[in-house]
């Protein structure tokens, strides 16, 4: 029996049907229901995007995940991002139907926690490297590479008369570096303030490089 679409009167002998409606009208219905701009929060300094409570690289997987959160119960399969438009396919799993569509993306600029800390000079620990300049510079470079590898950062590096002070973003990562390199620093602690109602200390690792 030939079906007739109640909206456009197309027939099932010429068009695919999803339930009572032809494929063309089904696609138009899907597009109408997801017709919205997508807002993405982006760090204006490093370009990473928020997904949803953390910042991640602005790649296709991230953009696709954000769109999918904003168009439920539909699903989006990203093809490509061109400028401020995400081209791809919207899928209605309940009807097993799909429609090509491009979402306009509006970016909301902010600073991620990492970049906000970096901009403010935030640090949790200090490496006080003392000794010959060649060994001090080599150790400072190792610290910098280690922190960058684990997506932490160096707040600043200050040269002093007998060495270098390296201010780092994470005392947990600083302790990890010390243990991994089997260093034996002289430790000291400075009260910095309160964090979540608890006293927060900055660690100092004094390392002699002879």
Protein backbone atom coordinates (compact mmCIF):
# COMPACT_ATOMS: atom_id res chain seq x y z
CA UNK A 1 0.00 0.00 0.00
CA UNK A 2 1.39 3.37 -1.01
CA UNK A 3 1.67 5.90 1.80
CA UNK A 4 1.02 9.62 1.35
CA UNK A 5 2.85 12.12 3.54
CA UNK A 6 0.21 14.19 5.39
CA UNK A 7 2.38 17.32 5.08
CA UNK A 8 3.56 17.37 1.45
CA UNK A 9 1.65 14.47 -0.12
CA UNK A 10 4.83 12.73 -1.30
CA UNK A 11 4.37 9.00 -1.79
CA UNK A 12 6.24 6.02 -0.39
CA UNK A 13 6.88 4.59 -3.85
CA UNK A 14 9.23 7.51 -4.57
CA UNK A 15 10.49 8.54 -1.12
CA UNK A 16 11.66 6.82 2.05
CA UNK A 17 9.20 7.14 4.93
CA UNK A 18 9.83 7.37 8.66
CA UNK A 19 6.56 6.36 10.20
CA UNK A 20 3.78 8.41 8.62
CA UNK A 21 6.06 11.11 7.21
CA UNK A 22 8.36 11.18 4.18
CA UNK A 23 12.10 11.56 4.55
CA UNK A 24 12.10 15.18 3.34
CA UNK A 25 9.50 16.34 5.87
CA UNK A 26 11.18 14.32 8.61
CA UNK A 27 14.50 16.05 7.89
CA UNK A 28 12.82 19.47 7.94
CA UNK A 29 11.24 18.62 11.30
CA UNK A 30 14.60 17.58 12.77
CA UNK A 31 16.27 20.76 11.53
CA UNK A 32 13.45 22.94 12.88
CA UNK A 33 13.78 21.39 16.35
CA UNK A 34 17.55 21.81 16.60
CA UNK A 35 17.67 25.23 14.94
CA UNK A 36 19.70 27.12 17.53
CA UNK A 37 23.05 28.78 17.98
CA UNK A 38 25.60 26.82 19.98
CA UNK A 39 27.50 28.68 22.69
CA UNK A 40 31.02 27.51 23.52
CA UNK A 41 33.06 28.94 26.38
CA UNK A 42 36.64 29.42 25.25
CA UNK A 43 39.78 30.49 27.07
CA UNK A 44 40.92 33.66 25.34
CA UNK A 45 44.54 32.97 26.25
CA UNK A 46 45.15 29.30 25.37
CA UNK A 47 42.13 28.63 23.12
CA UNK A 48 40.92 25.56 25.04
CA UNK A 49 37.14 25.06 25.38
CA UNK A 50 35.00 24.08 28.37
CA UNK A 51 33.62 20.51 28.23
CA UNK A 52 31.52 20.79 30.45
CA UNK A 53 33.33 21.44 33.75
CA UNK A 54 36.89 21.23 32.46
CA UNK A 55 38.88 22.86 29.66
CA UNK A 56 40.12 20.72 26.78
CA UNK A 57 41.79 21.26 23.39
CA UNK A 58 39.46 22.84 20.79
CA UNK A 59 39.37 19.76 18.58
CA UNK A 60 36.46 18.12 16.78
CA UNK A 61 35.67 15.73 19.62
CA UNK A 62 35.25 18.62 22.03
CA UNK A 63 33.00 20.64 19.73
CA UNK A 64 30.89 17.56 18.98
CA UNK A 65 30.48 16.80 22.70
CA UNK A 66 29.32 20.35 23.46
CA UNK A 67 26.75 20.35 20.66
CA UNK A 68 25.40 16.97 21.76
CA UNK A 69 24.81 18.30 25.28
CA UNK A 70 22.80 21.22 23.88
CA UNK A 71 20.54 19.38 21.40
CA UNK A 72 19.34 16.35 23.40
CA UNK A 73 17.53 14.06 22.64
CA UNK A 74 19.03 14.40 19.17
CA UNK A 75 22.60 13.41 18.36
CA UNK A 76 25.17 15.24 16.26
CA UNK A 77 27.96 13.71 14.18
CA UNK A 78 30.50 16.37 13.31
CA UNK A 79 31.90 16.55 9.81
CA UNK A 80 34.08 19.65 10.01
CA UNK A 81 34.32 23.08 11.61
CA UNK A 82 34.56 25.95 9.14
CA UNK A 83 35.05 29.31 10.82
CA UNK A 84 32.19 29.67 13.30
CA UNK A 85 30.09 26.91 11.77
CA UNK A 86 30.05 23.21 12.68
CA UNK A 87 28.92 21.17 9.70
CA UNK A 88 27.64 17.64 10.16
CA UNK A 89 24.64 15.41 10.61
CA UNK A 90 21.83 15.53 13.18
CA UNK A 91 20.48 12.08 14.05
CA UNK A 92 17.09 11.22 15.52
CA UNK A 93 17.67 7.75 16.97
CA UNK A 94 14.00 7.26 17.82
CA UNK A 95 13.05 7.52 14.13
CA UNK A 96 16.36 6.24 12.76
CA UNK A 97 16.42 9.39 10.67
CA UNK A 98 19.13 11.95 9.99
CA UNK A 99 19.56 15.36 8.41
CA UNK A 100 22.55 17.39 7.24
CA UNK A 101 22.92 20.56 9.28
CA UNK A 102 25.36 23.31 10.21
CA UNK A 103 25.33 24.90 13.66
CA UNK A 104 26.41 28.50 14.12
CA UNK A 105 28.83 28.74 17.04
CA UNK A 106 29.11 31.78 19.28
CA UNK A 107 32.20 31.88 21.47
CA UNK A 108 32.14 33.25 25.00
CA UNK A 109 35.65 34.25 26.00
CA UNK A 110 36.96 33.73 29.51
CA UNK A 111 40.13 32.57 31.22
CA UNK A 112 40.55 28.93 32.18
CA UNK A 113 41.82 28.27 35.69
CA UNK A 114 45.31 27.47 34.45
CA UNK A 115 45.66 30.70 32.45
CA UNK A 116 44.09 32.78 35.23
CA UNK A 117 46.67 31.42 37.63
CA UNK A 118 49.46 31.97 35.14
CA UNK A 119 48.35 35.56 34.53
CA UNK A 120 48.26 36.29 38.27
CA UNK A 121 51.69 34.80 38.96
CA UNK A 122 50.21 31.99 41.03
CA UNK A 123 52.63 29.47 42.53
CA UNK A 124 52.54 26.76 45.17
CA UNK A 125 56.21 25.89 45.50
CA UNK A 126 59.70 27.23 44.90
CA UNK A 127 62.83 25.37 43.85
CA UNK A 128 65.90 27.17 45.21
CA UNK A 129 68.71 25.85 43.02
CA UNK A 130 72.21 26.64 44.23
CA UNK A 131 75.59 25.74 42.81
CA UNK A 132 77.50 26.10 39.56
CA UNK A 133 75.66 27.99 36.84
CA UNK A 134 75.82 25.15 34.31
CA UNK A 135 74.26 22.60 36.68
CA UNK A 136 71.69 25.11 37.95
CA UNK A 137 70.57 25.99 34.41
CA UNK A 138 70.33 22.31 33.47
CA UNK A 139 68.17 21.52 36.50
CA UNK A 140 65.93 24.54 35.87
CA UNK A 141 65.39 23.29 32.32
CA UNK A 142 64.48 19.81 33.58
CA UNK A 143 61.93 21.28 35.98
CA UNK A 144 60.40 23.41 33.24
CA UNK A 145 60.06 20.49 30.82
CA UNK A 146 58.61 18.24 33.53
CA UNK A 147 55.88 20.73 34.46
CA UNK A 148 54.99 21.46 30.84
CA UNK A 149 54.72 17.73 30.11
CA UNK A 150 52.06 17.40 32.82
CA UNK A 151 50.19 20.58 31.76
CA UNK A 152 51.41 22.57 34.75
CA UNK A 153 53.46 25.73 34.45
CA UNK A 154 56.38 27.79 35.67
CA UNK A 155 55.21 31.09 37.15
CA UNK A 156 58.61 32.72 36.94
CA UNK A 157 62.32 32.03 37.07
CA UNK A 158 64.51 34.43 39.01
CA UNK A 159 68.30 34.46 38.88
CA UNK A 160 70.08 35.30 42.13
CA UNK A 161 73.77 35.72 42.93
CA UNK A 162 74.41 32.08 43.79
CA UNK A 163 71.75 30.30 41.74
CA UNK A 164 68.16 30.39 40.49
CA UNK A 165 64.70 30.31 42.05
CA UNK A 166 62.02 28.49 40.04
CA UNK A 167 58.40 29.23 41.05
CA UNK A 168 56.04 26.41 40.06
CA UNK A 169 52.25 25.99 39.90
CA UNK A 170 51.83 22.73 41.83
CA UNK A 171 53.52 21.52 44.99
CA UNK A 172 52.15 18.03 44.32
CA UNK A 173 53.99 18.02 41.00
CA UNK A 174 57.06 19.52 42.67
CA UNK A 175 57.16 16.65 45.18
CA UNK A 176 56.73 14.20 42.31
CA UNK A 177 59.69 15.74 40.48
CA UNK A 178 61.87 15.49 43.58
CA UNK A 179 61.02 11.81 44.12
CA UNK A 180 61.39 10.85 40.47
CA UNK A 181 64.84 12.43 40.26
CA UNK A 182 65.90 11.10 43.71
CA UNK A 183 66.77 14.56 44.95
CA UNK A 184 67.32 15.34 48.63
CA UNK A 185 66.31 18.97 49.13
CA UNK A 186 66.13 20.89 52.37
CA UNK A 187 62.43 21.53 52.90
CA UNK A 188 60.70 24.56 54.41
CA UNK A 189 57.09 25.75 54.44
CA UNK A 190 55.52 29.20 54.36
CA UNK A 191 51.92 29.91 55.36
CA UNK A 192 50.24 31.55 52.38
CA UNK A 193 46.58 31.71 53.40
CA UNK A 194 43.39 29.70 53.74
CA UNK A 195 42.05 27.32 51.10
CA UNK A 196 38.64 25.71 51.65
CA UNK A 197 38.86 26.65 55.31
CA UNK A 198 42.26 25.06 55.78
CA UNK A 199 45.70 26.58 56.08
CA UNK A 200 47.57 26.53 52.81
CA UNK A 201 51.35 26.38 52.75
CA UNK A 202 53.84 26.99 49.99
CA UNK A 203 56.73 24.54 49.83
CA UNK A 204 60.34 25.51 49.32
CA UNK A 205 62.83 22.93 48.02
CA UNK A 206 66.41 24.05 48.55
CA UNK A 207 68.67 21.96 46.31
CA UNK A 208 72.43 22.16 46.31
CA UNK A 209 74.03 21.18 42.99
CA UNK A 210 77.74 20.62 43.52
